[in-house]
Amino acid sequence: GQNLLGGLSCLLEDWEHALGGKPPPGAEAFR
């Protein structure tokens, strides 16, 4: 079940970026 916890973490991170108008996670490495 660790994959589901990881998936939940990805989901929350994506929501945080979307609601804050931020680029998707990892995009900051391509400036």
PDB file of all heavy atoms in Angstrom:
ATOM      1  N   GLY A   1       0.779  -1.226   0.000  1.00  0.00           N
ATOM      2  CA  GLY A   1       0.000   0.000   0.000  1.00  0.00           C
ATOM      3  C   GLY A   1       0.812   1.279   0.000  1.00  0.00           C
ATOM      4  O   GLY A   1       0.238   2.385  -0.034  1.00  0.00           O
ATOM      5  N   GLN A   2       2.150   1.163   0.042  1.00  0.00           N
ATOM      6  CA  GLN A   2       2.966   2.379   0.055  1.00  0.00           C
ATOM      7  C   GLN A   2       2.800   3.185  -1.236  1.00  0.00           C
ATOM      8  O   GLN A   2       2.933   4.407  -1.220  1.00  0.00           O
ATOM      9  CB  GLN A   2       4.441   2.009   0.248  1.00  0.00           C
ATOM     10  CG  GLN A   2       4.770   1.476   1.635  1.00  0.00           C
ATOM     11  CD  GLN A   2       4.469   2.500   2.715  1.00  0.00           C
ATOM     12  OE1 GLN A   2       4.865   3.664   2.616  1.00  0.00           O
ATOM     13  NE2 GLN A   2       3.752   2.073   3.754  1.00  0.00           N
ATOM     14  N   ASN A   3       2.482   2.492  -2.331  1.00  0.00           N
ATOM     15  CA  ASN A   3       2.268   3.214  -3.593  1.00  0.00           C
ATOM     16  C   ASN A   3       1.056   4.124  -3.507  1.00  0.00           C
ATOM     17  O   ASN A   3       1.042   5.229  -4.090  1.00  0.00           O
ATOM     18  CB  ASN A   3       2.108   2.224  -4.753  1.00  0.00           C
ATOM     19  CG  ASN A   3       0.945   1.276  -4.552  1.00  0.00           C
ATOM     20  OD1 ASN A   3       0.846   0.627  -3.513  1.00  0.00           O
ATOM     21  ND2 ASN A   3       0.052   1.195  -5.536  1.00  0.00           N
ATOM     22  N   LEU A   4       0.011   3.696  -2.763  1.00  0.00           N
ATOM     23  CA  LEU A   4      -1.182   4.529  -2.629  1.00  0.00           C
ATOM     24  C   LEU A   4      -0.903   5.754  -1.768  1.00  0.00           C
ATOM     25  O   LEU A   4      -1.422   6.847  -2.031  1.00  0.00           O
ATOM     26  CB  LEU A   4      -2.329   3.713  -2.038  1.00  0.00           C
ATOM     27  CG  LEU A   4      -2.769   2.500  -2.866  1.00  0.00           C
ATOM     28  CD1 LEU A   4      -3.921   1.781  -2.184  1.00  0.00           C
ATOM     29  CD2 LEU A   4      -3.160   2.926  -4.282  1.00  0.00           C
ATOM     30  N   LEU A   5      -0.057   5.579  -0.743  1.00  0.00           N
ATOM     31  CA  LEU A   5       0.346   6.741   0.051  1.00  0.00           C
ATOM     32  C   LEU A   5       1.168   7.707  -0.798  1.00  0.00           C
ATOM     33  O   LEU A   5       1.019   8.927  -0.698  1.00  0.00           O
ATOM     34  CB  LEU A   5       1.149   6.289   1.267  1.00  0.00           C
ATOM     35  CG  LEU A   5       0.378   5.541   2.360  1.00  0.00           C
ATOM     36  CD1 LEU A   5       1.331   5.078   3.466  1.00  0.00           C
ATOM     37  CD2 LEU A   5      -0.729   6.431   2.929  1.00  0.00           C
ATOM     38  N   GLY A   6       2.037   7.134  -1.633  1.00  0.00           N
ATOM     39  CA  GLY A   6       2.805   7.979  -2.544  1.00  0.00           C
ATOM     40  C   GLY A   6       1.908   8.690  -3.542  1.00  0.00           C
ATOM     41  O   GLY A   6       2.122   9.857  -3.875  1.00  0.00           O
ATOM     42  N   GLY A   7       0.875   7.968  -4.025  1.00  0.00           N
ATOM     43  CA  GLY A   7      -0.079   8.583  -4.946  1.00  0.00           C
ATOM     44  C   GLY A   7      -0.855   9.708  -4.294  1.00  0.00           C
ATOM     45  O   GLY A   7      -1.107  10.751  -4.917  1.00  0.00           O
ATOM     46  N   LEU A   8      -1.244   9.502  -3.014  1.00  0.00           N
ATOM     47  CA  LEU A   8      -1.946  10.563  -2.288  1.00  0.00           C
ATOM     48  C   LEU A   8      -1.046  11.781  -2.122  1.00  0.00           C
ATOM     49  O   LEU A   8      -1.492  12.928  -2.260  1.00  0.00           O
ATOM     50  CB  LEU A   8      -2.395  10.047  -0.924  1.00  0.00           C
ATOM     51  CG  LEU A   8      -3.122  11.064  -0.018  1.00  0.00           C
ATOM     52  CD1 LEU A   8      -4.394  11.579  -0.685  1.00  0.00           C
ATOM     53  CD2 LEU A   8      -3.442  10.440   1.340  1.00  0.00           C
ATOM     54  N   SER A   9       0.227  11.548  -1.857  1.00  0.00           N
ATOM     55  CA  SER A   9       1.181  12.649  -1.728  1.00  0.00           C
ATOM     56  C   SER A   9       1.306  13.413  -3.050  1.00  0.00           C
ATOM     57  O   SER A   9       1.330  14.649  -3.062  1.00  0.00           O
ATOM     58  CB  SER A   9       2.547  12.107  -1.294  1.00  0.00           C
ATOM     59  OG  SER A   9       3.505  13.133  -1.273  1.00  0.00           O
ATOM     60  N   CYS A  10       1.353  12.669  -4.164  1.00  0.00           N
ATOM     61  CA  CYS A  10       1.407  13.311  -5.483  1.00  0.00           C
ATOM     62  C   CYS A  10       0.152  14.139  -5.740  1.00  0.00           C
ATOM     63  O   CYS A  10       0.223  15.261  -6.266  1.00  0.00           O
ATOM     64  CB  CYS A  10       1.556  12.256  -6.581  1.00  0.00           C
ATOM     65  SG  CYS A  10       3.163  11.463  -6.668  1.00  0.00           S
ATOM     66  N   LEU A  11      -1.019  13.582  -5.362  1.00  0.00           N
ATOM     67  CA  LEU A  11      -2.276  14.275  -5.578  1.00  0.00           C
ATOM     68  C   LEU A  11      -2.326  15.585  -4.797  1.00  0.00           C
ATOM     69  O   LEU A  11      -2.696  16.644  -5.332  1.00  0.00           O
ATOM     70  CB  LEU A  11      -3.443  13.373  -5.177  1.00  0.00           C
ATOM     71  CG  LEU A  11      -4.854  13.978  -5.284  1.00  0.00           C
ATOM     72  CD1 LEU A  11      -5.172  14.335  -6.730  1.00  0.00           C
ATOM     73  CD2 LEU A  11      -5.888  13.027  -4.718  1.00  0.00           C
ATOM     74  N   LEU A  12      -1.941  15.535  -3.521  1.00  0.00           N
ATOM     75  CA  LEU A  12      -1.963  16.738  -2.688  1.00  0.00           C
ATOM     76  C   LEU A  12      -0.974  17.781  -3.207  1.00  0.00           C
ATOM     77  O   LEU A  12      -1.263  18.981  -3.213  1.00  0.00           O
ATOM     78  CB  LEU A  12      -1.636  16.378  -1.236  1.00  0.00           C
ATOM     79  CG  LEU A  12      -2.678  15.495  -0.520  1.00  0.00           C
ATOM     80  CD1 LEU A  12      -2.189  15.109   0.866  1.00  0.00           C
ATOM     81  CD2 LEU A  12      -4.030  16.203  -0.434  1.00  0.00           C
ATOM     82  N   GLU A  13       0.181  17.313  -3.670  1.00  0.00           N
ATOM     83  CA  GLU A  13       1.178  18.243  -4.214  1.00  0.00           C
ATOM     84  C   GLU A  13       0.676  18.895  -5.494  1.00  0.00           C
ATOM     85  O   GLU A  13       0.843  20.102  -5.704  1.00  0.00           O
ATOM     86  CB  GLU A  13       2.492  17.494  -4.472  1.00  0.00           C
ATOM     87  CG  GLU A  13       3.636  18.421  -4.876  1.00  0.00           C
ATOM     88  CD  GLU A  13       4.930  17.657  -5.103  1.00  0.00           C
ATOM     89  OE1 GLU A  13       4.873  16.426  -5.352  1.00  0.00           O
ATOM     90  OE2 GLU A  13       5.998  18.288  -5.026  1.00  0.00           O
ATOM     91  N   ASP A  14       0.020  18.108  -6.341  1.00  0.00           N
ATOM     92  CA  ASP A  14      -0.533  18.659  -7.582  1.00  0.00           C
ATOM     93  C   ASP A  14      -1.632  19.670  -7.285  1.00  0.00           C
ATOM     94  O   ASP A  14      -1.725  20.718  -7.943  1.00  0.00           O
ATOM     95  CB  ASP A  14      -1.070  17.536  -8.474  1.00  0.00           C
ATOM     96  CG  ASP A  14       0.033  16.715  -9.110  1.00  0.00           C
ATOM     97  OD1 ASP A  14       1.193  17.186  -9.095  1.00  0.00           O
ATOM     98  OD2 ASP A  14      -0.245  15.613  -9.599  1.00  0.00           O
ATOM     99  N   TRP A  15      -2.480  19.355  -6.320  1.00  0.00           N
ATOM    100  CA  TRP A  15      -3.542  20.297  -5.937  1.00  0.00           C
ATOM    101  C   TRP A  15      -2.947  21.601  -5.419  1.00  0.00           C
ATOM    102  O   TRP A  15      -3.419  22.687  -5.746  1.00  0.00           O
ATOM    103  CB  TRP A  15      -4.430  19.662  -4.866  1.00  0.00           C
ATOM    104  CG  TRP A  15      -5.501  18.790  -5.423  1.00  0.00           C
ATOM    105  CD1 TRP A  15      -5.772  18.558  -6.741  1.00  0.00           C
ATOM    106  CD2 TRP A  15      -6.465  18.033  -4.670  1.00  0.00           C
ATOM    107  NE1 TRP A  15      -6.827  17.688  -6.864  1.00  0.00           N
ATOM    108  CE2 TRP A  15      -7.280  17.351  -5.610  1.00  0.00           C
ATOM    109  CE3 TRP A  15      -6.701  17.849  -3.315  1.00  0.00           C
ATOM    110  CZ2 TRP A  15      -8.326  16.520  -5.226  1.00  0.00           C
ATOM    111  CZ3 TRP A  15      -7.741  17.011  -2.934  1.00  0.00           C
ATOM    112  CH2 TRP A  15      -8.541  16.356  -3.875  1.00  0.00           C
ATOM    113  N   GLU A  16      -1.931  21.479  -4.591  1.00  0.00           N
ATOM    114  CA  GLU A  16      -1.286  22.674  -4.034  1.00  0.00           C
ATOM    115  C   GLU A  16      -0.735  23.557  -5.155  1.00  0.00           C
ATOM    116  O   GLU A  16      -0.912  24.777  -5.149  1.00  0.00           O
ATOM    117  CB  GLU A  16      -0.157  22.271  -3.090  1.00  0.00           C
ATOM    118  CG  GLU A  16       0.585  23.462  -2.493  1.00  0.00           C
ATOM    119  CD  GLU A  16       1.840  23.042  -1.743  1.00  0.00           C
ATOM    120  OE1 GLU A  16       2.113  21.830  -1.684  1.00  0.00           O
ATOM    121  OE2 GLU A  16       2.547  23.927  -1.252  1.00  0.00           O
ATOM    122  N   HIS A  17      -0.077  22.954  -6.118  1.00  0.00           N
ATOM    123  CA  HIS A  17       0.494  23.721  -7.230  1.00  0.00           C
ATOM    124  C   HIS A  17      -0.607  24.320  -8.098  1.00  0.00           C
ATOM    125  O   HIS A  17      -0.493  25.472  -8.548  1.00  0.00           O
ATOM    126  CB  HIS A  17       1.406  22.830  -8.066  1.00  0.00           C
ATOM    127  CG  HIS A  17       2.761  22.629  -7.466  1.00  0.00           C
ATOM    128  ND1 HIS A  17       3.911  23.126  -8.024  1.00  0.00           N
ATOM    129  CD2 HIS A  17       3.153  21.991  -6.329  1.00  0.00           C
ATOM    130  CE1 HIS A  17       4.949  22.813  -7.274  1.00  0.00           C
ATOM    131  NE2 HIS A  17       4.518  22.103  -6.242  1.00  0.00           N
ATOM    132  N   ALA A  18      -1.672  23.547  -8.357  1.00  0.00           N
ATOM    133  CA  ALA A  18      -2.753  24.044  -9.216  1.00  0.00           C
ATOM    134  C   ALA A  18      -3.493  25.205  -8.559  1.00  0.00           C
ATOM    135  O   ALA A  18      -3.767  26.225  -9.195  1.00  0.00           O
ATOM    136  CB  ALA A  18      -3.721  22.911  -9.545  1.00  0.00           C
ATOM    137  N   LEU A  19      -3.833  25.058  -7.275  1.00  0.00           N
ATOM    138  CA  LEU A  19      -4.568  26.110  -6.570  1.00  0.00           C
ATOM    139  C   LEU A  19      -3.722  27.362  -6.386  1.00  0.00           C
ATOM    140  O   LEU A  19      -4.246  28.477  -6.349  1.00  0.00           O
ATOM    141  CB  LEU A  19      -5.056  25.597  -5.211  1.00  0.00           C
ATOM    142  CG  LEU A  19      -6.112  24.493  -5.258  1.00  0.00           C
ATOM    143  CD1 LEU A  19      -6.403  23.960  -3.855  1.00  0.00           C
ATOM    144  CD2 LEU A  19      -7.412  24.998  -5.900  1.00  0.00           C
ATOM    145  N   GLY A  20      -2.416  27.199  -6.280  1.00  0.00           N
ATOM    146  CA  GLY A  20      -1.535  28.342  -6.115  1.00  0.00           C
ATOM    147  C   GLY A  20      -1.056  28.944  -7.408  1.00  0.00           C
ATOM    148  O   GLY A  20      -0.259  29.891  -7.395  1.00  0.00           O
ATOM    149  N   GLY A  21      -1.531  28.399  -8.540  1.00  0.00           N
ATOM    150  CA  GLY A  21      -1.101  28.912  -9.834  1.00  0.00           C
ATOM    151  C   GLY A  21       0.364  28.644 -10.131  1.00  0.00           C
ATOM    152  O   GLY A  21       0.997  29.354 -10.913  1.00  0.00           O
ATOM    153  N   LYS A  22       0.927  27.598  -9.522  1.00  0.00           N
ATOM    154  CA  LYS A  22       2.337  27.264  -9.721  1.00  0.00           C
ATOM    155  C   LYS A  22       2.488  26.273 -10.874  1.00  0.00           C
ATOM    156  O   LYS A  22       1.551  25.540 -11.206  1.00  0.00           O
ATOM    157  CB  LYS A  22       2.915  26.634  -8.449  1.00  0.00           C
ATOM    158  CG  LYS A  22       2.798  27.489  -7.204  1.00  0.00           C
ATOM    159  CD  LYS A  22       3.309  26.700  -6.000  1.00  0.00           C
ATOM    160  CE  LYS A  22       3.107  27.446  -4.704  1.00  0.00           C
ATOM    161  NZ  LYS A  22       3.545  26.641  -3.528  1.00  0.00           N
ATOM    162  N   PRO A  23       3.653  26.225 -11.482  1.00  0.00           N
ATOM    163  CA  PRO A  23       3.902  25.194 -12.497  1.00  0.00           C
ATOM    164  C   PRO A  23       3.918  23.818 -11.850  1.00  0.00           C
ATOM    165  O   PRO A  23       4.053  23.704 -10.621  1.00  0.00           O
ATOM    166  CB  PRO A  23       5.277  25.570 -13.061  1.00  0.00           C
ATOM    167  CG  PRO A  23       5.915  26.383 -11.989  1.00  0.00           C
ATOM    168  CD  PRO A  23       4.795  27.118 -11.306  1.00  0.00           C
ATOM    169  N   PRO A  24       3.763  22.754 -12.621  1.00  0.00           N
ATOM    170  CA  PRO A  24       3.749  21.403 -12.039  1.00  0.00           C
ATOM    171  C   PRO A  24       5.068  21.087 -11.355  1.00  0.00           C
ATOM    172  O   PRO A  24       6.118  21.655 -11.699  1.00  0.00           O
ATOM    173  CB  PRO A  24       3.490  20.500 -13.252  1.00  0.00           C
ATOM    174  CG  PRO A  24       3.870  21.306 -14.435  1.00  0.00           C
ATOM    175  CD  PRO A  24       3.588  22.721 -14.080  1.00  0.00           C
ATOM    176  N   PRO A  25       5.047  20.179 -10.383  1.00  0.00           N
ATOM    177  CA  PRO A  25       6.285  19.826  -9.664  1.00  0.00           C
ATOM    178  C   PRO A  25       7.374  19.339 -10.623  1.00  0.00           C
ATOM    179  O   PRO A  25       7.121  18.544 -11.528  1.00  0.00           O
ATOM    180  CB  PRO A  25       5.826  18.700  -8.730  1.00  0.00           C
ATOM    181  CG  PRO A  25       4.361  18.914  -8.546  1.00  0.00           C
ATOM    182  CD  PRO A  25       3.870  19.474  -9.838  1.00  0.00           C
ATOM    183  N   GLY A  26       8.548  19.837 -10.416  1.00  0.00           N
ATOM    184  CA  GLY A  26       9.685  19.470 -11.267  1.00  0.00           C
ATOM    185  C   GLY A  26       9.982  20.473 -12.354  1.00  0.00           C
ATOM    186  O   GLY A  26      11.095  20.505 -12.888  1.00  0.00           O
ATOM    187  N   ALA A  27       8.997  21.322 -12.708  1.00  0.00           N
ATOM    188  CA  ALA A  27       9.215  22.302 -13.782  1.00  0.00           C
ATOM    189  C   ALA A  27      10.224  23.361 -13.378  1.00  0.00           C
ATOM    190  O   ALA A  27      10.839  23.991 -14.242  1.00  0.00           O
ATOM    191  CB  ALA A  27       7.883  22.960 -14.162  1.00  0.00           C
ATOM    192  N   GLU A  28      10.403  23.544 -12.075  1.00  0.00           N
ATOM    193  CA  GLU A  28      11.353  24.567 -11.616  1.00  0.00           C
ATOM    194  C   GLU A  28      12.797  24.216 -11.972  1.00  0.00           C
ATOM    195  O   GLU A  28      13.699  25.063 -11.879  1.00  0.00           O
ATOM    196  CB  GLU A  28      11.229  24.754 -10.100  1.00  0.00           C
ATOM    197  CG  GLU A  28      11.630  23.563  -9.254  1.00  0.00           C
ATOM    198  CD  GLU A  28      10.522  22.531  -9.088  1.00  0.00           C
ATOM    199  OE1 GLU A  28       9.429  22.735  -9.663  1.00  0.00           O
ATOM    200  OE2 GLU A  28      10.747  21.522  -8.385  1.00  0.00           O
ATOM    201  N   ALA A  29      13.028  22.985 -12.397  1.00  0.00           N
ATOM    202  CA  ALA A  29      14.376  22.578 -12.803  1.00  0.00           C
ATOM    203  C   ALA A  29      14.676  22.942 -14.252  1.00  0.00           C
ATOM    204  O   ALA A  29      15.765  22.606 -14.742  1.00  0.00           O
ATOM    205  CB  ALA A  29      14.542  21.071 -12.597  1.00  0.00           C
ATOM    206  N   PHE A  30      13.739  23.599 -14.928  1.00  0.00           N
ATOM    207  CA  PHE A  30      13.933  23.967 -16.332  1.00  0.00           C
ATOM    208  C   PHE A  30      13.598  25.450 -16.507  1.00  0.00           C
ATOM    209  O   PHE A  30      12.574  25.815 -17.063  1.00  0.00           O
ATOM    210  CB  PHE A  30      13.058  23.094 -17.236  1.00  0.00           C
ATOM    211  CG  PHE A  30      13.359  21.625 -17.122  1.00  0.00           C
ATOM    212  CD1 PHE A  30      12.650  20.833 -16.239  1.00  0.00           C
ATOM    213  CD2 PHE A  30      14.362  21.045 -17.873  1.00  0.00           C
ATOM    214  CE1 PHE A  30      12.926  19.478 -16.107  1.00  0.00           C
ATOM    215  CE2 PHE A  30      14.649  19.692 -17.752  1.00  0.00           C
ATOM    216  CZ  PHE A  30      13.930  18.910 -16.872  1.00  0.00           C
ATOM    217  N   ARG A  31      14.488  26.300 -16.005  1.00  0.00           N
ATOM    218  CA  ARG A  31      14.269  27.743 -16.018  1.00  0.00           C
ATOM    219  C   ARG A  31      14.926  28.362 -17.242  1.00  0.00           C
ATOM    220  O   ARG A  31      16.118  28.107 -17.501  1.00  0.00           O
ATOM    221  CB  ARG A  31      14.830  28.373 -14.749  1.00  0.00           C
ATOM    222  CG  ARG A  31      14.215  27.882 -13.445  1.00  0.00           C
ATOM    223  CD  ARG A  31      15.072  28.318 -12.267  1.00  0.00           C
ATOM    224  NE  ARG A  31      16.416  27.730 -12.353  1.00  0.00           N
ATOM    225  CZ  ARG A  31      17.443  28.108 -11.596  1.00  0.00           C
ATOM    226  NH1 ARG A  31      17.282  29.078 -10.705  1.00  0.00           N
ATOM    227  NH2 ARG A  31      18.624  27.522 -11.726  1.00  0.00           N
TER     228      ARG A  31
END
